Amino acid sequence: METDGKSVQCVIVTPERAVLDECVDFVVLPMFDGELGVLPGRAPLIGRLGYGELRTRLGADTRRFYIDGGFAQVRANVVTVLTPRALRAEEINPATATDALEKAKGIAHTPEEQTALINAQQRARAQIAVSRHARA
């Protein structure tokens, strides 16, 4: 995967499939503590991803993906995303995500259940936000 130095190769991989492998102008990663923009020439890094929207831009075209945590590596103009789940914005069903959010608002009886509910809420909210941006 060699880029021309004016673009970034973005690769998104899940255990089931390669979701994306293409050259783009710009990538925005949903890190666990905020967004990170990656342009060509970015210094190498490895970081933990959060639940959220990954965006790529090529010219005037912006593509959006829901990323379900994982890790990202930036090295030599290649952004590699390893995540348990990635969905193109068009694949997200807003009604299903809204239902998941409502179910995640249940009552937790243990700290582990509380953590699971909070994570489920974050996932559902992120999917809803990605699907809204895609339809805007």
N, C-alpha and C. Protein backbone atom coordinates (compact mmCIF):
# COMPACT_ATOMS: atom_id res chain seq x y z
N MET A 1 0.84 -1.19 0.00
CA MET A 1 0.00 0.00 0.00
C MET A 1 0.88 1.24 0.00
N GLU A 2 1.20 1.70 -1.12
CA GLU A 2 2.05 2.88 -1.27
C GLU A 2 1.19 4.05 -1.71
N THR A 3 1.29 5.16 -1.00
CA THR A 3 0.54 6.35 -1.39
C THR A 3 1.48 7.31 -2.10
N ASP A 4 0.90 8.31 -2.74
CA ASP A 4 1.69 9.28 -3.50
C ASP A 4 2.22 10.42 -2.64
N GLY A 5 2.00 10.37 -1.33
CA GLY A 5 2.45 11.44 -0.43
C GLY A 5 1.46 12.58 -0.35
N LYS A 6 0.46 12.60 -1.22
CA LYS A 6 -0.58 13.63 -1.20
C LYS A 6 -1.91 13.05 -0.74
N SER A 7 -1.92 11.77 -0.42
CA SER A 7 -3.13 11.12 0.05
C SER A 7 -2.79 10.17 1.19
N VAL A 8 -3.83 9.65 1.80
CA VAL A 8 -3.71 8.72 2.91
C VAL A 8 -4.46 7.45 2.53
N GLN A 9 -3.84 6.32 2.72
CA GLN A 9 -4.52 5.04 2.50
C GLN A 9 -5.30 4.72 3.77
N CYS A 10 -6.61 4.52 3.67
CA CYS A 10 -7.44 4.20 4.83
C CYS A 10 -7.91 2.76 4.70
N VAL A 11 -7.60 1.97 5.71
CA VAL A 11 -7.96 0.56 5.74
C VAL A 11 -8.76 0.30 7.01
N ILE A 12 -9.99 -0.21 6.86
CA ILE A 12 -10.83 -0.56 8.00
C ILE A 12 -11.05 -2.07 7.94
N VAL A 13 -10.67 -2.76 9.02
CA VAL A 13 -10.77 -4.22 9.05
C VAL A 13 -11.53 -4.66 10.30
N THR A 14 -12.48 -5.59 10.11
CA THR A 14 -13.17 -6.25 11.20
C THR A 14 -12.80 -7.73 11.16
N PRO A 15 -13.16 -8.50 12.17
CA PRO A 15 -12.87 -9.93 12.10
C PRO A 15 -13.53 -10.63 10.91
N GLU A 16 -14.64 -10.09 10.42
CA GLU A 16 -15.38 -10.73 9.33
C GLU A 16 -14.94 -10.29 7.94
N ARG A 17 -14.49 -9.03 7.81
CA ARG A 17 -14.24 -8.52 6.46
C ARG A 17 -13.40 -7.26 6.47
N ALA A 18 -12.88 -6.94 5.29
CA ALA A 18 -12.25 -5.64 5.09
C ALA A 18 -13.36 -4.70 4.61
N VAL A 19 -13.64 -3.68 5.39
CA VAL A 19 -14.75 -2.78 5.09
C VAL A 19 -14.33 -1.70 4.09
N LEU A 20 -13.08 -1.25 4.17
CA LEU A 20 -12.61 -0.17 3.31
C LEU A 20 -11.11 -0.32 3.09
N ASP A 21 -10.67 -0.02 1.89
CA ASP A 21 -9.24 0.02 1.56
C ASP A 21 -9.10 0.95 0.36
N GLU A 22 -8.91 2.25 0.64
CA GLU A 22 -8.81 3.20 -0.46
C GLU A 22 -8.01 4.43 -0.06
N CYS A 23 -7.51 5.14 -1.07
CA CYS A 23 -6.79 6.39 -0.85
C CYS A 23 -7.78 7.53 -0.72
N VAL A 24 -7.55 8.38 0.28
CA VAL A 24 -8.42 9.53 0.54
C VAL A 24 -7.54 10.74 0.86
N ASP A 25 -8.16 11.92 0.88
CA ASP A 25 -7.43 13.14 1.21
C ASP A 25 -7.26 13.33 2.72
N PHE A 26 -8.23 12.82 3.50
CA PHE A 26 -8.31 13.15 4.92
C PHE A 26 -9.12 12.09 5.63
N VAL A 27 -8.74 11.75 6.85
CA VAL A 27 -9.48 10.78 7.68
C VAL A 27 -9.68 11.39 9.06
N VAL A 28 -10.89 11.24 9.60
CA VAL A 28 -11.18 11.63 10.97
C VAL A 28 -11.50 10.36 11.74
N LEU A 29 -10.74 10.11 12.81
CA LEU A 29 -10.90 8.91 13.62
C LEU A 29 -11.64 9.23 14.92
N PRO A 30 -12.56 8.35 15.35
CA PRO A 30 -13.24 8.54 16.64
C PRO A 30 -12.41 7.91 17.76
N MET A 31 -11.47 8.64 18.30
CA MET A 31 -10.65 8.12 19.39
C MET A 31 -11.48 8.05 20.66
N PHE A 32 -11.01 7.32 21.65
CA PHE A 32 -11.79 7.15 22.88
C PHE A 32 -11.96 8.47 23.62
N ASP A 33 -11.09 9.44 23.38
CA ASP A 33 -11.15 10.72 24.09
C ASP A 33 -11.40 11.91 23.17
N GLY A 34 -11.90 11.67 21.96
CA GLY A 34 -12.20 12.76 21.02
C GLY A 34 -11.81 12.36 19.61
N GLU A 35 -11.99 13.28 18.69
CA GLU A 35 -11.68 13.00 17.29
C GLU A 35 -10.23 13.35 16.97
N LEU A 36 -9.68 12.62 16.01
CA LEU A 36 -8.32 12.87 15.53
C LEU A 36 -8.35 12.94 14.02
N GLY A 37 -7.91 14.07 13.47
CA GLY A 37 -7.82 14.22 12.02
C GLY A 37 -6.46 13.78 11.52
N VAL A 38 -6.44 13.09 10.39
CA VAL A 38 -5.19 12.59 9.82
C VAL A 38 -5.07 13.08 8.38
N LEU A 39 -4.02 13.86 8.14
CA LEU A 39 -3.66 14.33 6.80
C LEU A 39 -2.38 13.61 6.36
N PRO A 40 -2.05 13.66 5.08
CA PRO A 40 -0.78 13.07 4.65
C PRO A 40 0.39 13.69 5.42
N GLY A 41 1.36 12.84 5.76
CA GLY A 41 2.53 13.31 6.48
C GLY A 41 2.38 13.30 7.99
N ARG A 42 1.28 12.78 8.50
CA ARG A 42 1.03 12.73 9.95
C ARG A 42 2.09 11.86 10.62
N ALA A 43 2.52 12.29 11.78
CA ALA A 43 3.48 11.50 12.55
C ALA A 43 2.85 10.16 12.93
N PRO A 44 3.67 9.11 13.02
CA PRO A 44 3.14 7.80 13.38
C PRO A 44 2.50 7.80 14.77
N LEU A 45 1.47 6.98 14.93
CA LEU A 45 0.83 6.83 16.23
C LEU A 45 0.02 5.55 16.26
N ILE A 46 -0.24 5.08 17.46
CA ILE A 46 -1.18 3.99 17.70
C ILE A 46 -2.11 4.50 18.77
N GLY A 47 -3.42 4.33 18.58
CA GLY A 47 -4.37 4.84 19.55
C GLY A 47 -5.59 3.96 19.69
N ARG A 48 -6.26 4.13 20.82
CA ARG A 48 -7.48 3.38 21.09
C ARG A 48 -8.68 4.14 20.54
N LEU A 49 -9.53 3.45 19.84
CA LEU A 49 -10.73 4.04 19.26
C LEU A 49 -11.90 3.95 20.23
N GLY A 50 -12.83 4.89 20.10
CA GLY A 50 -14.07 4.84 20.85
C GLY A 50 -15.19 4.44 19.91
N TYR A 51 -16.42 4.53 20.41
CA TYR A 51 -17.59 4.30 19.58
C TYR A 51 -17.89 5.60 18.88
N GLY A 52 -17.99 5.59 17.56
CA GLY A 52 -18.30 6.84 16.89
C GLY A 52 -18.15 6.80 15.40
N GLU A 53 -18.04 7.99 14.84
CA GLU A 53 -18.04 8.17 13.39
C GLU A 53 -16.63 8.34 12.85
N LEU A 54 -16.28 7.50 11.91
CA LEU A 54 -15.05 7.67 11.13
C LEU A 54 -15.48 8.30 9.82
N ARG A 55 -14.78 9.38 9.44
CA ARG A 55 -15.09 10.06 8.18
C ARG A 55 -13.87 10.05 7.27
N THR A 56 -14.12 9.86 5.99
CA THR A 56 -13.07 10.02 4.99
C THR A 56 -13.54 11.08 4.01
N ARG A 57 -12.56 11.81 3.48
CA ARG A 57 -12.89 12.81 2.46
C ARG A 57 -11.98 12.61 1.27
N LEU A 58 -12.58 12.58 0.11
CA LEU A 58 -11.86 12.53 -1.15
C LEU A 58 -12.49 13.59 -2.04
N GLY A 59 -11.77 14.69 -2.26
CA GLY A 59 -12.36 15.81 -2.98
C GLY A 59 -13.51 16.38 -2.18
N ALA A 60 -14.68 16.49 -2.80
CA ALA A 60 -15.86 17.01 -2.11
C ALA A 60 -16.71 15.89 -1.50
N ASP A 61 -16.31 14.64 -1.70
CA ASP A 61 -17.08 13.49 -1.25
C ASP A 61 -16.65 13.07 0.16
N THR A 62 -17.62 13.03 1.09
CA THR A 62 -17.37 12.58 2.46
C THR A 62 -18.12 11.28 2.68
N ARG A 63 -17.39 10.27 3.18
CA ARG A 63 -18.01 8.98 3.51
C ARG A 63 -17.95 8.81 5.01
N ARG A 64 -19.00 8.19 5.56
CA ARG A 64 -19.13 8.04 7.00
C ARG A 64 -19.31 6.57 7.38
N PHE A 65 -18.67 6.20 8.50
CA PHE A 65 -18.74 4.83 9.01
C PHE A 65 -18.93 4.88 10.51
N TYR A 66 -19.69 3.92 11.04
CA TYR A 66 -19.78 3.74 12.49
C TYR A 66 -18.67 2.76 12.87
N ILE A 67 -17.87 3.13 13.87
CA ILE A 67 -16.78 2.30 14.36
C ILE A 67 -17.08 1.93 15.81
N ASP A 68 -16.96 0.64 16.12
CA ASP A 68 -17.32 0.12 17.44
C ASP A 68 -16.07 -0.13 18.29
N GLY A 69 -15.28 0.93 18.48
CA GLY A 69 -14.06 0.80 19.28
C GLY A 69 -12.95 0.12 18.49
N GLY A 70 -11.92 -0.30 19.20
CA GLY A 70 -10.79 -0.97 18.56
C GLY A 70 -9.53 -0.12 18.65
N PHE A 71 -8.67 -0.29 17.65
CA PHE A 71 -7.39 0.42 17.62
C PHE A 71 -7.11 0.97 16.23
N ALA A 72 -6.34 2.05 16.19
CA ALA A 72 -5.93 2.66 14.93
C ALA A 72 -4.42 2.82 14.94
N GLN A 73 -3.82 2.61 13.78
CA GLN A 73 -2.39 2.86 13.60
C GLN A 73 -2.24 3.80 12.41
N VAL A 74 -1.41 4.82 12.60
CA VAL A 74 -1.06 5.74 11.51
C VAL A 74 0.43 5.58 11.29
N ARG A 75 0.81 5.23 10.06
CA ARG A 75 2.22 5.03 9.76
C ARG A 75 2.42 5.12 8.26
N ALA A 76 3.36 5.95 7.83
CA ALA A 76 3.72 6.10 6.41
C ALA A 76 2.50 6.35 5.52
N ASN A 77 1.67 7.31 5.92
CA ASN A 77 0.47 7.69 5.17
C ASN A 77 -0.53 6.56 5.00
N VAL A 78 -0.53 5.61 5.94
CA VAL A 78 -1.53 4.54 5.97
C VAL A 78 -2.22 4.58 7.33
N VAL A 79 -3.54 4.66 7.31
CA VAL A 79 -4.35 4.61 8.52
C VAL A 79 -5.01 3.24 8.54
N THR A 80 -4.65 2.43 9.54
CA THR A 80 -5.23 1.10 9.67
C THR A 80 -6.11 1.08 10.90
N VAL A 81 -7.37 0.69 10.70
CA VAL A 81 -8.35 0.63 11.78
C VAL A 81 -8.72 -0.84 11.99
N LEU A 82 -8.49 -1.32 13.20
CA LEU A 82 -8.90 -2.67 13.59
C LEU A 82 -10.03 -2.52 14.59
N THR A 83 -11.20 -3.01 14.24
CA THR A 83 -12.38 -2.81 15.06
C THR A 83 -13.25 -4.06 15.04
N PRO A 84 -13.94 -4.34 16.14
CA PRO A 84 -14.82 -5.51 16.13
C PRO A 84 -16.01 -5.36 15.19
N ARG A 85 -16.39 -4.09 14.91
CA ARG A 85 -17.57 -3.86 14.06
C ARG A 85 -17.45 -2.50 13.39
N ALA A 86 -17.73 -2.49 12.10
CA ALA A 86 -17.76 -1.25 11.34
C ALA A 86 -18.93 -1.32 10.36
N LEU A 87 -19.68 -0.24 10.30
CA LEU A 87 -20.83 -0.17 9.40
C LEU A 87 -20.73 1.10 8.56
N ARG A 88 -21.03 0.98 7.29
CA ARG A 88 -21.19 2.18 6.46
C ARG A 88 -22.45 2.89 6.97
N ALA A 89 -22.46 4.20 6.90
CA ALA A 89 -23.60 4.96 7.42
C ALA A 89 -24.91 4.49 6.80
N GLU A 90 -24.85 4.11 5.53
CA GLU A 90 -26.06 3.67 4.82
C GLU A 90 -26.58 2.34 5.35
N GLU A 91 -25.74 1.57 6.03
CA GLU A 91 -26.14 0.26 6.56
C GLU A 91 -26.84 0.36 7.91
N ILE A 92 -26.80 1.52 8.52
CA ILE A 92 -27.39 1.68 9.86
C ILE A 92 -28.88 1.94 9.74
N ASN A 93 -29.66 1.17 10.49
CA ASN A 93 -31.09 1.38 10.56
C ASN A 93 -31.38 2.26 11.77
N PRO A 94 -31.80 3.51 11.57
CA PRO A 94 -32.03 4.41 12.71
C PRO A 94 -33.05 3.88 13.72
N ALA A 95 -34.07 3.19 13.24
CA ALA A 95 -35.09 2.65 14.15
C ALA A 95 -34.50 1.58 15.04
N THR A 96 -33.66 0.73 14.48
CA THR A 96 -33.02 -0.32 15.27
C THR A 96 -32.09 0.29 16.31
N ALA A 97 -31.34 1.33 15.92
CA ALA A 97 -30.43 2.00 16.86
C ALA A 97 -31.22 2.68 17.97
N THR A 98 -32.34 3.28 17.64
CA THR A 98 -33.19 3.93 18.65
C THR A 98 -33.75 2.90 19.62
N ASP A 99 -34.18 1.75 19.09
CA ASP A 99 -34.68 0.66 19.96
C ASP A 99 -33.57 0.18 20.90
N ALA A 100 -32.36 0.04 20.38
CA ALA A 100 -31.23 -0.39 21.20
C ALA A 100 -30.96 0.62 22.32
N LEU A 101 -31.09 1.91 22.00
CA LEU A 101 -30.89 2.94 23.02
C LEU A 101 -31.94 2.82 24.12
N GLU A 102 -33.18 2.62 23.74
CA GLU A 102 -34.24 2.49 24.74
C GLU A 102 -34.02 1.27 25.64
N LYS A 103 -33.60 0.16 25.06
CA LYS A 103 -33.34 -1.05 25.85
C LYS A 103 -32.16 -0.84 26.79
N ALA A 104 -31.22 -0.02 26.39
CA ALA A 104 -30.02 0.22 27.21
C ALA A 104 -30.29 1.18 28.37
N LYS A 105 -31.49 1.70 28.45
CA LYS A 105 -31.85 2.61 29.54
C LYS A 105 -32.46 1.85 30.72
N GLY A 106 -32.22 0.55 30.76
CA GLY A 106 -32.75 -0.28 31.84
C GLY A 106 -32.05 -0.03 33.16
N ILE A 107 -32.43 -0.80 34.15
CA ILE A 107 -31.86 -0.69 35.49
C ILE A 107 -30.77 -1.74 35.66
N ALA A 108 -29.65 -1.31 36.18
CA ALA A 108 -28.53 -2.21 36.42
C ALA A 108 -28.50 -2.57 37.90
N HIS A 109 -28.18 -3.84 38.18
CA HIS A 109 -28.13 -4.31 39.56
C HIS A 109 -26.70 -4.52 40.05
N THR A 110 -25.74 -4.51 39.13
CA THR A 110 -24.33 -4.69 39.50
C THR A 110 -23.50 -3.67 38.75
N PRO A 111 -22.30 -3.41 39.21
CA PRO A 111 -21.42 -2.49 38.47
C PRO A 111 -21.14 -2.97 37.04
N GLU A 112 -21.03 -4.28 36.86
CA GLU A 112 -20.80 -4.82 35.52
C GLU A 112 -21.98 -4.54 34.59
N GLU A 113 -23.19 -4.72 35.12
CA GLU A 113 -24.39 -4.42 34.33
C GLU A 113 -24.46 -2.94 34.00
N GLN A 114 -24.09 -2.09 34.94
CA GLN A 114 -24.07 -0.64 34.71
C GLN A 114 -23.11 -0.28 33.59
N THR A 115 -21.91 -0.87 33.62
CA THR A 115 -20.92 -0.62 32.57
C THR A 115 -21.45 -1.08 31.21
N ALA A 116 -22.07 -2.25 31.19
CA ALA A 116 -22.62 -2.78 29.93
C ALA A 116 -23.72 -1.87 29.38
N LEU A 117 -24.58 -1.36 30.26
CA LEU A 117 -25.65 -0.45 29.83
C LEU A 117 -25.08 0.86 29.30
N ILE A 118 -24.09 1.40 29.97
CA ILE A 118 -23.47 2.65 29.51
C ILE A 118 -22.83 2.45 28.14
N ASN A 119 -22.11 1.34 27.96
CA ASN A 119 -21.49 1.06 26.66
C ASN A 119 -22.55 0.89 25.57
N ALA A 120 -23.64 0.20 25.88
CA ALA A 120 -24.71 0.01 24.91
C ALA A 120 -25.35 1.36 24.53
N GLN A 121 -25.50 2.24 25.51
CA GLN A 121 -26.05 3.57 25.22
C GLN A 121 -25.11 4.36 24.32
N GLN A 122 -23.80 4.30 24.60
CA GLN A 122 -22.83 5.02 23.77
C GLN A 122 -22.84 4.49 22.35
N ARG A 123 -22.89 3.18 22.19
CA ARG A 123 -22.94 2.58 20.84
C ARG A 123 -24.18 3.04 20.09
N ALA A 124 -25.33 2.96 20.74
CA ALA A 124 -26.59 3.33 20.09
C ALA A 124 -26.60 4.81 19.72
N ARG A 125 -26.15 5.66 20.63
CA ARG A 125 -26.13 7.10 20.33
C ARG A 125 -25.19 7.40 19.15
N ALA A 126 -24.05 6.74 19.12
CA ALA A 126 -23.10 6.95 18.02
C ALA A 126 -23.71 6.50 16.70
N GLN A 127 -24.40 5.36 16.69
CA GLN A 127 -25.02 4.90 15.45
C GLN A 127 -26.12 5.86 14.98
N ILE A 128 -26.90 6.36 15.92
CA ILE A 128 -27.95 7.32 15.57
C ILE A 128 -27.32 8.57 14.96
N ALA A 129 -26.25 9.07 15.56
CA ALA A 129 -25.58 10.28 15.05
C ALA A 129 -25.00 10.04 13.65
N VAL A 130 -24.37 8.90 13.44
CA VAL A 130 -23.80 8.61 12.12
C VAL A 130 -24.90 8.52 11.06
N SER A 131 -26.00 7.85 11.41
CA SER A 131 -27.08 7.72 10.43
C SER A 131 -27.73 9.08 10.12
N ARG A 132 -27.82 9.96 11.12
CA ARG A 132 -28.38 11.30 10.89
C ARG A 132 -27.48 12.11 9.96
N HIS A 133 -26.18 12.05 10.18
CA HIS A 133 -25.25 12.78 9.31
C HIS A 133 -25.32 12.28 7.87
N ALA A 134 -25.50 11.00 7.72
CA ALA A 134 -25.54 10.42 6.37
C ALA A 134 -26.79 10.84 5.62
N ARG A 135 -27.86 11.10 6.36
CA ARG A 135 -29.13 11.46 5.71
C ARG A 135 -29.32 12.97 5.59
N ALA A 136 -28.39 13.73 6.17
CA ALA A 136 -28.52 15.20 6.14
C ALA A 136 -28.07 15.77 4.82
